[in-house]
Amino acid sequence: MKIKSKITYLLPLLMLLVFACKPRKADYSEFNQFYAKFMQDSLFQVQHINFPLEGIPDNASSYSDDLNAFRWTADNWRMHRPIDFAQTKFEQNFQTIGDELIIENLSDPQSGYGMIRRWAKLGGEWSLIYYAGINPIR
């Protein structure tokens, strides 16, 4: 009788733990919509960049100033456009860290060059928070 009463109490608790601890699948459709608009709409793009933006310029090895002091500004920013992956050798990889940080790596393994963008959800909206321009990959 004791075993039956223990099972009666433990079974619902066990079921609750099993279903409550089930990993949830993140929904990135909101980010995907943001990303598509960011790449198409120049005004939207500038409004969703945290200037002065941390990062590294293109061809950083030829940059004569202190790289730690470098920042992208509205004046030196070049609009980002979608990459046609069918026409290039670039590969794209997204790494998600929680629900509010995404790291995007774009690289061309054949040439050894790549770039990095970091995206964060700030105040309920996605923004570009870091950009390392085209540089040799280590």
C-alpha atoms as a PDB file:
ATOM      1  CA  MET A   1       0.000   0.000   0.000  1.00  0.00           C
ATOM      2  CA  LYS A   2       2.864   2.392   0.776  1.00  0.00           C
ATOM      3  CA  ILE A   3       4.396   1.885  -2.668  1.00  0.00           C
ATOM      4  CA  LYS A   4       1.088   2.643  -4.376  1.00  0.00           C
ATOM      5  CA  SER A   5       0.657   5.909  -2.435  1.00  0.00           C
ATOM      6  CA  LYS A   6       4.230   6.969  -3.224  1.00  0.00           C
ATOM      7  CA  ILE A   7       3.662   6.285  -6.911  1.00  0.00           C
ATOM      8  CA  THR A   8       0.420   8.252  -6.786  1.00  0.00           C
ATOM      9  CA  TYR A   9       2.319  11.312  -5.538  1.00  0.00           C
ATOM     10  CA  LEU A  10       5.560  10.858  -7.453  1.00  0.00           C
ATOM     11  CA  LEU A  11       4.111  10.087 -10.878  1.00  0.00           C
ATOM     12  CA  PRO A  12       2.442  13.496 -11.373  1.00  0.00           C
ATOM     13  CA  LEU A  13       5.577  15.227 -10.092  1.00  0.00           C
ATOM     14  CA  LEU A  14       7.750  13.226 -12.464  1.00  0.00           C
ATOM     15  CA  MET A  15       5.433  14.022 -15.388  1.00  0.00           C
ATOM     16  CA  LEU A  16       5.564  17.719 -14.535  1.00  0.00           C
ATOM     17  CA  LEU A  17       9.365  17.683 -14.467  1.00  0.00           C
ATOM     18  CA  VAL A  18       9.634  15.817 -17.763  1.00  0.00           C
ATOM     19  CA  PHE A  19       7.372  18.214 -19.636  1.00  0.00           C
ATOM     20  CA  ALA A  20       8.555  21.386 -17.900  1.00  0.00           C
ATOM     21  CA  CYS A  21      12.223  20.670 -18.628  1.00  0.00           C
ATOM     22  CA  LYS A  22      11.663  19.937 -22.296  1.00  0.00           C
ATOM     23  CA  PRO A  23      13.877  22.269 -24.315  1.00  0.00           C
ATOM     24  CA  ARG A  24      11.845  24.794 -26.224  1.00  0.00           C
ATOM     25  CA  LYS A  25      12.570  25.419 -29.854  1.00  0.00           C
ATOM     26  CA  ALA A  26      13.414  29.069 -30.407  1.00  0.00           C
ATOM     27  CA  ASP A  27      11.411  30.973 -32.993  1.00  0.00           C
ATOM     28  CA  TYR A  28      13.688  33.213 -35.029  1.00  0.00           C
ATOM     29  CA  SER A  29      11.064  34.249 -37.586  1.00  0.00           C
ATOM     30  CA  GLU A  30      11.035  37.753 -36.060  1.00  0.00           C
ATOM     31  CA  PHE A  31      14.814  38.041 -36.497  1.00  0.00           C
ATOM     32  CA  ASN A  32      14.597  36.665 -40.038  1.00  0.00           C
ATOM     33  CA  GLN A  33      12.030  39.337 -40.972  1.00  0.00           C
ATOM     34  CA  PHE A  34      14.185  42.020 -39.347  1.00  0.00           C
ATOM     35  CA  TYR A  35      17.301  40.760 -41.162  1.00  0.00           C
ATOM     36  CA  ALA A  36      15.583  40.803 -44.572  1.00  0.00           C
ATOM     37  CA  LYS A  37      14.352  44.363 -44.028  1.00  0.00           C
ATOM     38  CA  PHE A  38      17.755  45.470 -42.683  1.00  0.00           C
ATOM     39  CA  MET A  39      19.411  44.292 -45.906  1.00  0.00           C
ATOM     40  CA  GLN A  40      16.821  45.949 -48.183  1.00  0.00           C
ATOM     41  CA  ASP A  41      15.936  49.267 -46.511  1.00  0.00           C
ATOM     42  CA  SER A  42      18.804  51.743 -45.991  1.00  0.00           C
ATOM     43  CA  LEU A  43      16.863  54.018 -43.607  1.00  0.00           C
ATOM     44  CA  PHE A  44      15.762  51.031 -41.505  1.00  0.00           C
ATOM     45  CA  GLN A  45      19.368  49.818 -41.506  1.00  0.00           C
ATOM     46  CA  VAL A  46      20.790  53.075 -40.143  1.00  0.00           C
ATOM     47  CA  GLN A  47      18.042  53.250 -37.510  1.00  0.00           C
ATOM     48  CA  HIS A  48      18.998  49.783 -36.227  1.00  0.00           C
ATOM     49  CA  ILE A  49      22.733  50.311 -35.780  1.00  0.00           C
ATOM     50  CA  ASN A  50      24.150  51.456 -32.457  1.00  0.00           C
ATOM     51  CA  PHE A  51      26.490  54.205 -33.718  1.00  0.00           C
ATOM     52  CA  PRO A  52      29.307  54.601 -32.914  1.00  0.00           C
ATOM     53  CA  LEU A  53      29.482  50.887 -33.656  1.00  0.00           C
ATOM     54  CA  GLU A  54      32.294  48.727 -32.314  1.00  0.00           C
ATOM     55  CA  GLY A  55      34.145  46.639 -34.836  1.00  0.00           C
ATOM     56  CA  ILE A  56      37.065  46.336 -37.195  1.00  0.00           C
ATOM     57  CA  PRO A  57      37.475  48.030 -40.582  1.00  0.00           C
ATOM     58  CA  ASP A  58      37.920  46.142 -43.833  1.00  0.00           C
ATOM     59  CA  ASN A  59      41.563  45.128 -44.381  1.00  0.00           C
ATOM     60  CA  ALA A  60      42.438  45.982 -40.784  1.00  0.00           C
ATOM     61  CA  SER A  61      46.113  45.088 -41.291  1.00  0.00           C
ATOM     62  CA  SER A  62      46.484  48.189 -43.484  1.00  0.00           C
ATOM     63  CA  TYR A  63      44.697  50.428 -40.954  1.00  0.00           C
ATOM     64  CA  SER A  64      47.274  52.845 -39.562  1.00  0.00           C
ATOM     65  CA  ASP A  65      45.419  54.038 -36.440  1.00  0.00           C
ATOM     66  CA  ASP A  66      44.746  52.191 -33.188  1.00  0.00           C
ATOM     67  CA  LEU A  67      42.246  49.408 -33.948  1.00  0.00           C
ATOM     68  CA  ASN A  68      40.922  49.513 -30.376  1.00  0.00           C
ATOM     69  CA  ALA A  69      39.764  53.083 -30.983  1.00  0.00           C
ATOM     70  CA  PHE A  70      38.095  52.308 -34.330  1.00  0.00           C
ATOM     71  CA  ARG A  71      34.325  52.783 -34.517  1.00  0.00           C
ATOM     72  CA  TRP A  72      31.912  52.638 -37.421  1.00  0.00           C
ATOM     73  CA  THR A  73      29.968  55.898 -37.695  1.00  0.00           C
ATOM     74  CA  ALA A  74      27.101  57.027 -39.886  1.00  0.00           C
ATOM     75  CA  ASP A  75      29.745  58.858 -41.974  1.00  0.00           C
ATOM     76  CA  ASN A  76      31.982  55.847 -42.701  1.00  0.00           C
ATOM     77  CA  TRP A  77      29.197  53.244 -42.868  1.00  0.00           C
ATOM     78  CA  ARG A  78      28.529  51.494 -46.177  1.00  0.00           C
ATOM     79  CA  MET A  79      25.081  50.019 -46.600  1.00  0.00           C
ATOM     80  CA  HIS A  80      24.955  46.257 -46.281  1.00  0.00           C
ATOM     81  CA  ARG A  81      23.054  44.385 -48.942  1.00  0.00           C
ATOM     82  CA  PRO A  82      21.970  40.754 -49.255  1.00  0.00           C
ATOM     83  CA  ILE A  83      24.607  38.334 -50.488  1.00  0.00           C
ATOM     84  CA  ASP A  84      23.642  36.058 -53.341  1.00  0.00           C
ATOM     85  CA  PHE A  85      25.078  32.810 -52.026  1.00  0.00           C
ATOM     86  CA  ALA A  86      24.374  31.082 -55.340  1.00  0.00           C
ATOM     87  CA  GLN A  87      26.746  33.521 -57.076  1.00  0.00           C
ATOM     88  CA  THR A  88      29.511  33.638 -54.457  1.00  0.00           C
ATOM     89  CA  LYS A  89      31.588  31.204 -52.465  1.00  0.00           C
ATOM     90  CA  PHE A  90      30.569  32.816 -49.182  1.00  0.00           C
ATOM     91  CA  GLU A  91      29.176  30.629 -46.432  1.00  0.00           C
ATOM     92  CA  GLN A  92      26.886  31.970 -43.722  1.00  0.00           C
ATOM     93  CA  ASN A  93      26.640  30.678 -40.171  1.00  0.00           C
ATOM     94  CA  PHE A  94      24.457  31.983 -37.339  1.00  0.00           C
ATOM     95  CA  GLN A  95      25.292  31.233 -33.709  1.00  0.00           C
ATOM     96  CA  THR A  96      22.559  32.021 -31.203  1.00  0.00           C
ATOM     97  CA  ILE A  97      23.333  32.864 -27.620  1.00  0.00           C
ATOM     98  CA  GLY A  98      20.092  32.907 -25.691  1.00  0.00           C
ATOM     99  CA  ASP A  99      17.076  34.578 -27.250  1.00  0.00           C
ATOM    100  CA  GLU A 100      18.593  38.024 -27.667  1.00  0.00           C
ATOM    101  CA  LEU A 101      22.078  37.658 -29.173  1.00  0.00           C
ATOM    102  CA  ILE A 102      23.021  36.287 -32.582  1.00  0.00           C
ATOM    103  CA  ILE A 103      26.504  36.119 -34.085  1.00  0.00           C
ATOM    104  CA  GLU A 104      26.672  35.920 -37.869  1.00  0.00           C
ATOM    105  CA  ASN A 105      29.833  34.666 -39.559  1.00  0.00           C
ATOM    106  CA  LEU A 106      30.261  35.099 -43.300  1.00  0.00           C
ATOM    107  CA  SER A 107      33.330  33.538 -44.846  1.00  0.00           C
ATOM    108  CA  ASP A 108      34.834  32.479 -48.127  1.00  0.00           C
ATOM    109  CA  PRO A 109      36.970  29.448 -47.226  1.00  0.00           C
ATOM    110  CA  GLN A 110      38.651  29.462 -50.625  1.00  0.00           C
ATOM    111  CA  SER A 111      39.967  33.028 -50.327  1.00  0.00           C
ATOM    112  CA  GLY A 112      40.411  32.901 -46.551  1.00  0.00           C
ATOM    113  CA  TYR A 113      38.409  36.086 -45.966  1.00  0.00           C
ATOM    114  CA  GLY A 114      35.368  36.685 -43.818  1.00  0.00           C
ATOM    115  CA  MET A 115      33.345  39.119 -41.746  1.00  0.00           C
ATOM    116  CA  ILE A 116      31.364  39.055 -38.498  1.00  0.00           C
ATOM    117  CA  ARG A 117      28.161  40.784 -37.457  1.00  0.00           C
ATOM    118  CA  ARG A 118      26.655  40.632 -33.974  1.00  0.00           C
ATOM    119  CA  TRP A 119      22.977  41.290 -33.474  1.00  0.00           C
ATOM    120  CA  ALA A 120      21.181  41.941 -30.184  1.00  0.00           C
ATOM    121  CA  LYS A 121      17.604  42.500 -29.187  1.00  0.00           C
ATOM    122  CA  LEU A 122      17.600  45.804 -27.310  1.00  0.00           C
ATOM    123  CA  GLY A 123      14.423  47.409 -26.036  1.00  0.00           C
ATOM    124  CA  GLY A 124      12.359  44.827 -27.880  1.00  0.00           C
ATOM    125  CA  GLU A 125      13.990  45.493 -31.278  1.00  0.00           C
ATOM    126  CA  TRP A 126      16.910  43.862 -33.080  1.00  0.00           C
ATOM    127  CA  SER A 127      20.003  45.997 -33.699  1.00  0.00           C
ATOM    128  CA  LEU A 128      23.464  45.550 -35.133  1.00  0.00           C
ATOM    129  CA  ILE A 129      25.877  45.928 -32.212  1.00  0.00           C
ATOM    130  CA  TYR A 130      29.223  44.901 -33.794  1.00  0.00           C
ATOM    131  CA  TYR A 131      30.680  44.617 -37.284  1.00  0.00           C
ATOM    132  CA  ALA A 132      34.089  43.298 -38.321  1.00  0.00           C
ATOM    133  CA  GLY A 133      34.590  44.060 -42.007  1.00  0.00           C
ATOM    134  CA  ILE A 134      36.168  41.817 -44.631  1.00  0.00           C
ATOM    135  CA  ASN A 135      39.492  40.544 -43.297  1.00  0.00           C
ATOM    136  CA  PRO A 136      41.662  37.434 -43.470  1.00  0.00           C
ATOM    137  CA  ILE A 137      40.295  34.647 -41.281  1.00  0.00           C
ATOM    138  CA  ARG A 138      42.627  33.155 -38.709  1.00  0.00           C
END
